[in-house]
Amino acid sequence: METWYYEVVSIDGDYANLKRIDVELDDLKLVARALLPAEIMVGSKLKYELLQYEIM
């Protein structure tokens, strides 16, 4: 299983926009907040591994 790293760019209601920080991509990933740790805020760094997000 791969590990990916993201930064929370924006939060809009029940969704958050995440940007990959481990590779150079311009695309944002829209993720339901229910799948993310409750304490995230804009600027939080996340690790995605084994189908789970966790704050770094």
C-alpha atoms as a PDB file:
ATOM      1  CA  MET A   1       0.000   0.000   0.000  1.00  0.00           C
ATOM      2  CA  GLU A   2       1.267   3.459  -0.831  1.00  0.00           C
ATOM      3  CA  THR A   3       1.463   6.459   1.473  1.00  0.00           C
ATOM      4  CA  TRP A   4       0.436   9.910   0.245  1.00  0.00           C
ATOM      5  CA  TYR A   5       0.802  13.290   1.924  1.00  0.00           C
ATOM      6  CA  TYR A   6      -1.665  16.163   1.656  1.00  0.00           C
ATOM      7  CA  GLU A   7      -2.240  19.678   2.925  1.00  0.00           C
ATOM      8  CA  VAL A   8      -5.730  21.017   3.615  1.00  0.00           C
ATOM      9  CA  VAL A   9      -6.123  23.984   1.241  1.00  0.00           C
ATOM     10  CA  SER A  10      -9.721  24.915   2.022  1.00  0.00           C
ATOM     11  CA  ILE A  11     -12.783  23.696   3.895  1.00  0.00           C
ATOM     12  CA  ASP A  12     -16.233  24.238   2.432  1.00  0.00           C
ATOM     13  CA  GLY A  13     -19.029  22.869   4.592  1.00  0.00           C
ATOM     14  CA  ASP A  14     -18.903  19.064   4.568  1.00  0.00           C
ATOM     15  CA  TYR A  15     -15.943  18.898   2.173  1.00  0.00           C
ATOM     16  CA  ALA A  16     -12.250  19.773   2.195  1.00  0.00           C
ATOM     17  CA  ASN A  17      -9.896  20.415  -0.704  1.00  0.00           C
ATOM     18  CA  LEU A  18      -6.580  18.617  -0.334  1.00  0.00           C
ATOM     19  CA  LYS A  19      -3.354  19.215  -2.270  1.00  0.00           C
ATOM     20  CA  ARG A  20      -0.665  16.559  -2.598  1.00  0.00           C
ATOM     21  CA  ILE A  21       2.594  17.739  -1.072  1.00  0.00           C
ATOM     22  CA  ASP A  22       4.748  14.680  -1.751  1.00  0.00           C
ATOM     23  CA  VAL A  23       4.606  15.117  -5.549  1.00  0.00           C
ATOM     24  CA  GLU A  24       4.250  18.133  -7.840  1.00  0.00           C
ATOM     25  CA  LEU A  25       0.566  18.236  -8.846  1.00  0.00           C
ATOM     26  CA  ASP A  26      -1.742  21.207  -9.415  1.00  0.00           C
ATOM     27  CA  ASP A  27      -4.951  19.216  -8.930  1.00  0.00           C
ATOM     28  CA  LEU A  28      -6.949  19.365  -5.723  1.00  0.00           C
ATOM     29  CA  LYS A  29      -8.761  16.388  -4.235  1.00  0.00           C
ATOM     30  CA  LEU A  30     -12.254  16.969  -2.838  1.00  0.00           C
ATOM     31  CA  VAL A  31     -12.801  14.780   0.243  1.00  0.00           C
ATOM     32  CA  ALA A  32     -15.821  14.483   2.527  1.00  0.00           C
ATOM     33  CA  ARG A  33     -14.992  15.750   6.017  1.00  0.00           C
ATOM     34  CA  ALA A  34     -16.516  12.595   7.483  1.00  0.00           C
ATOM     35  CA  LEU A  35     -13.452  10.730   6.143  1.00  0.00           C
ATOM     36  CA  LEU A  36     -10.977  13.172   7.714  1.00  0.00           C
ATOM     37  CA  PRO A  37      -9.904  13.712  11.330  1.00  0.00           C
ATOM     38  CA  ALA A  38     -12.389  16.030  13.103  1.00  0.00           C
ATOM     39  CA  GLU A  39      -9.701  18.496  14.218  1.00  0.00           C
ATOM     40  CA  ILE A  40      -8.432  19.451  10.744  1.00  0.00           C
ATOM     41  CA  MET A  41      -8.142  23.095   9.725  1.00  0.00           C
ATOM     42  CA  VAL A  42      -6.755  24.935   6.719  1.00  0.00           C
ATOM     43  CA  GLY A  43      -3.020  24.259   6.598  1.00  0.00           C
ATOM     44  CA  SER A  44      -3.189  20.886   8.371  1.00  0.00           C
ATOM     45  CA  LYS A  45      -0.836  18.256   6.975  1.00  0.00           C
ATOM     46  CA  LEU A  46      -2.323  14.785   6.492  1.00  0.00           C
ATOM     47  CA  LYS A  47      -0.958  11.336   5.795  1.00  0.00           C
ATOM     48  CA  TYR A  48      -3.130   8.930   3.793  1.00  0.00           C
ATOM     49  CA  GLU A  49      -2.283   5.285   4.316  1.00  0.00           C
ATOM     50  CA  LEU A  50      -4.348   2.079   4.440  1.00  0.00           C
ATOM     51  CA  LEU A  51      -7.516   3.987   3.426  1.00  0.00           C
ATOM     52  CA  GLN A  52      -7.238   6.365   6.429  1.00  0.00           C
ATOM     53  CA  TYR A  53      -6.239  10.002   6.862  1.00  0.00           C
ATOM     54  CA  GLU A  54      -4.304  11.080   9.939  1.00  0.00           C
ATOM     55  CA  ILE A  55      -2.814  14.401  10.996  1.00  0.00           C
ATOM     56  CA  MET A  56       0.963  14.519  10.881  1.00  0.00           C
END
